[in-house]
Protein backbone atom coordinates (compact mmCIF):
# COMPACT_ATOMS: atom_id res chain seq x y z
CA MET A 1 39.75 -2.39 5.73
CA LYS A 2 40.51 -4.55 2.73
CA TRP A 3 40.61 -2.22 -0.25
CA THR A 4 40.68 -3.65 -3.75
CA PHE A 5 40.98 -1.89 -7.10
CA ARG A 6 39.43 -2.95 -10.37
CA GLN A 7 38.21 -1.50 -13.64
CA ALA A 8 34.51 -0.78 -13.93
CA GLU A 9 32.21 -2.95 -15.98
CA SER A 10 28.71 -2.35 -17.32
CA LYS A 11 27.24 -3.95 -14.20
CA ASP A 12 28.75 -1.09 -12.13
CA ILE A 13 27.06 1.82 -13.94
CA LYS A 14 24.22 2.38 -11.47
CA ALA A 15 26.55 2.24 -8.44
CA ILE A 16 29.04 4.66 -10.05
CA VAL A 17 26.32 7.20 -10.86
CA LYS A 18 25.01 6.99 -7.30
CA LEU A 19 28.50 7.39 -5.81
CA VAL A 20 29.49 10.33 -8.02
CA ASP A 21 26.23 12.19 -7.43
CA SER A 22 26.48 11.60 -3.66
CA ALA A 23 30.03 12.99 -3.56
CA TYR A 24 29.32 16.15 -5.57
CA ARG A 25 25.67 17.18 -5.30
CA GLY A 26 22.80 17.47 -2.88
CA ASP A 27 22.62 17.07 0.87
CA SER A 28 24.55 13.78 0.91
CA SER A 29 27.59 15.54 -0.57
CA ARG A 30 27.64 17.97 2.35
CA GLN A 31 28.69 15.08 4.62
CA GLY A 32 32.11 15.19 2.94
CA TRP A 33 34.40 18.06 2.02
CA THR A 34 34.35 17.72 -1.78
CA THR A 35 30.81 18.99 -2.37
CA GLU A 36 29.87 21.26 -5.25
CA ALA A 37 26.36 21.75 -3.85
CA ASP A 38 26.96 25.45 -3.16
CA LEU A 39 28.06 26.02 -6.75
CA LEU A 40 25.83 23.68 -8.78
CA ASP A 41 22.44 22.02 -8.67
CA GLY A 42 21.32 19.03 -10.68
CA ARG A 43 23.07 15.77 -11.35
CA ARG A 44 26.84 15.26 -11.71
CA THR A 45 26.63 12.32 -14.11
CA PHE A 46 24.19 10.02 -15.85
CA SER A 47 24.10 6.34 -16.75
CA GLU A 48 24.64 7.13 -20.44
CA GLU A 49 27.83 9.08 -19.72
CA VAL A 50 29.26 6.34 -17.51
CA ALA A 51 28.34 3.64 -20.05
CA GLY A 52 30.07 5.66 -22.78
CA ILE A 53 33.26 5.95 -20.75
CA ILE A 54 33.32 2.25 -19.93
CA SER A 55 32.91 1.27 -23.59
CA ALA A 56 35.32 3.83 -25.09
CA GLU A 57 38.89 3.06 -26.07
CA LYS A 58 41.69 4.47 -23.90
CA ASN A 59 39.15 5.24 -21.16
CA THR A 60 38.45 3.46 -17.93
CA ILE A 61 36.82 4.02 -14.61
CA ILE A 62 38.85 2.66 -11.72
CA LEU A 63 36.91 1.51 -8.69
CA LEU A 64 38.07 1.11 -5.09
CA GLU A 65 35.99 -1.27 -3.01
CA ASP A 66 36.04 -2.47 0.57
CA VAL A 67 34.67 -6.01 0.56
CA ASP A 68 31.75 -5.43 -1.86
CA LYS A 69 31.07 -1.76 -1.03
CA LEU A 70 32.05 0.86 -3.61
CA LEU A 71 34.03 3.59 -1.84
CA ALA A 72 35.62 5.52 -4.71
CA SER A 73 35.84 5.86 -8.46
CA VAL A 74 37.87 7.86 -10.95
CA HIS A 75 37.76 8.21 -14.73
CA VAL A 76 41.06 8.24 -16.62
CA LYS A 77 41.45 8.82 -20.34
CA LYS A 78 44.50 8.79 -22.60
CA LEU A 79 44.58 12.19 -24.30
CA SER A 80 47.54 12.42 -26.61
CA GLY A 81 50.96 11.37 -27.71
CA ASP A 82 52.75 8.13 -28.22
CA GLY A 83 56.01 9.06 -26.54
CA SER A 84 57.97 9.28 -29.80
CA ASN A 85 60.33 12.17 -30.38
CA SER A 86 60.35 12.91 -26.64
CA GLU A 87 56.69 13.90 -26.91
CA SER A 88 54.96 13.66 -23.54
CA VAL A 89 51.97 11.38 -23.30
CA ARG A 90 49.13 12.90 -21.33
CA ALA A 91 46.14 11.38 -19.58
CA TYR A 92 43.08 13.11 -18.18
CA LEU A 93 41.67 12.41 -14.73
CA GLY A 94 38.10 13.32 -13.94
CA MET A 95 34.87 12.38 -12.19
CA PHE A 96 36.90 11.50 -9.09
CA ALA A 97 34.58 10.59 -6.24
CA VAL A 98 34.98 9.24 -2.72
CA GLU A 99 31.92 8.21 -0.71
CA PRO A 100 31.27 11.25 1.57
CA LEU A 101 31.32 9.40 4.90
CA SER A 102 34.57 7.65 3.88
CA GLN A 103 36.47 10.85 3.07
CA ASN A 104 39.53 11.70 5.18
CA LEU A 105 40.52 8.01 5.48
CA GLY A 106 43.29 8.12 2.88
CA ILE A 107 41.09 6.67 0.15
CA GLY A 108 41.51 9.67 -2.14
CA LYS A 109 45.31 9.52 -2.00
CA ALA A 110 45.23 5.77 -2.62
CA VAL A 111 42.97 6.16 -5.65
CA MET A 112 45.09 8.98 -7.09
CA ALA A 113 48.28 6.94 -6.69
CA TYR A 114 46.66 3.91 -8.33
CA ALA A 115 45.27 5.98 -11.24
CA GLU A 116 48.67 7.59 -11.85
CA LYS A 117 50.40 4.21 -11.78
CA PHE A 118 47.74 2.78 -14.13
CA VAL A 119 48.17 5.47 -16.83
CA LEU A 120 51.96 5.31 -16.51
CA GLU A 121 52.15 1.52 -16.85
CA GLU A 122 49.20 0.82 -19.19
CA TRP A 123 49.41 3.81 -21.53
CA GLN A 124 52.97 5.08 -20.87
CA CYS A 125 51.58 8.49 -19.95
CA SER A 126 54.09 10.84 -18.39
CA GLU A 127 51.61 13.56 -17.39
CA MET A 128 48.17 13.64 -15.78
CA GLU A 129 45.82 16.56 -16.42
CA MET A 130 42.58 17.55 -14.72
CA THR A 131 40.25 20.50 -14.51
CA VAL A 132 38.88 21.87 -11.25
CA ILE A 133 36.38 24.65 -10.69
CA ARG A 134 38.49 27.62 -9.58
CA GLN A 135 36.20 28.40 -6.65
CA ARG A 136 37.03 25.03 -5.10
CA VAL A 137 40.21 26.39 -3.49
CA GLU A 138 40.46 23.71 -0.79
CA LEU A 139 40.28 20.95 -3.41
CA ILE A 140 42.92 22.60 -5.60
CA GLU A 141 45.19 22.90 -2.55
CA TRP A 142 44.70 19.16 -1.86
CA TYR A 143 45.72 18.30 -5.43
CA GLU A 144 48.76 20.58 -5.11
CA LYS A 145 49.88 18.58 -2.07
CA LEU A 146 49.80 15.52 -4.33
CA GLY A 147 52.13 17.17 -6.84
CA TYR A 148 49.69 18.82 -9.23
CA ARG A 149 50.30 22.39 -10.31
CA VAL A 150 47.91 25.02 -11.60
CA THR A 151 49.12 25.70 -15.14
CA GLY A 152 47.47 29.10 -15.67
CA GLU A 153 45.43 27.59 -18.50
CA THR A 154 41.67 27.78 -18.07
CA ARG A 155 38.66 26.26 -19.76
CA ALA A 156 35.18 27.70 -19.96
CA PHE A 157 32.65 26.12 -17.65
CA PRO A 158 30.03 24.40 -19.85
CA TYR A 159 27.05 26.54 -18.83
CA TRP A 160 25.22 25.37 -21.94
CA ASP A 161 25.30 21.70 -20.91
CA GLU A 162 23.17 20.70 -17.91
CA ARG A 163 24.97 17.34 -17.83
CA TYR A 164 27.63 19.19 -15.81
CA GLY A 165 25.11 20.71 -13.43
CA ILE A 166 23.01 23.82 -13.15
CA PRO A 167 25.25 26.70 -12.05
CA LYS A 168 24.23 28.84 -9.09
CA GLN A 169 26.63 31.62 -10.08
CA GLU A 170 27.95 33.13 -13.29
CA ASP A 171 31.69 33.28 -12.67
CA LEU A 172 32.63 29.59 -12.78
CA VAL A 173 35.82 28.74 -14.64
CA LEU A 174 37.86 25.55 -14.83
CA ASP A 175 41.55 25.70 -13.92
CA VAL A 176 43.81 23.15 -15.60
CA LEU A 177 46.13 21.25 -13.25
CA VAL A 178 48.95 18.93 -14.37
CA ASN A 179 51.23 16.49 -12.62
CA ILE A 180 54.40 15.04 -14.12
CA LEU A 181 54.36 11.33 -13.32
């Protein structure tokens, strides 16, 4: 395999939406281990959301391709801080997706390492934050193996916003995880 990384462009929007939806929702997501199909119905993302990320400052979507096939994507965003006065600079990682049939090949670890290096070198971020649905225990454990820790902080699941999916249960909560880079 010849993996290459690059930042997403407008021409990639349709492929990113397809990849993210296939990794998180519906029957195609059940071919991998990162599915949310038992927790949520509906779409995971939309073209408008992806276009907004690509065009926003201090945001990017990193793509991993093999030849010309999109295998993975991840959104990173600079959240806060400029590093002055020993203030930590934090980035957010989200919408991380690996093509379901390509999971368990080391792609996820490679993308995470690249994203962490990117925010460290490009934005001088010293911390990476993410939120994960608490019920996704296996996924949280995978992130912990990569150095992330559950902070104890939680965020409300956005039940009011179908852009994040249509919940199948009423007890969803987002755990905040952080890694010191």
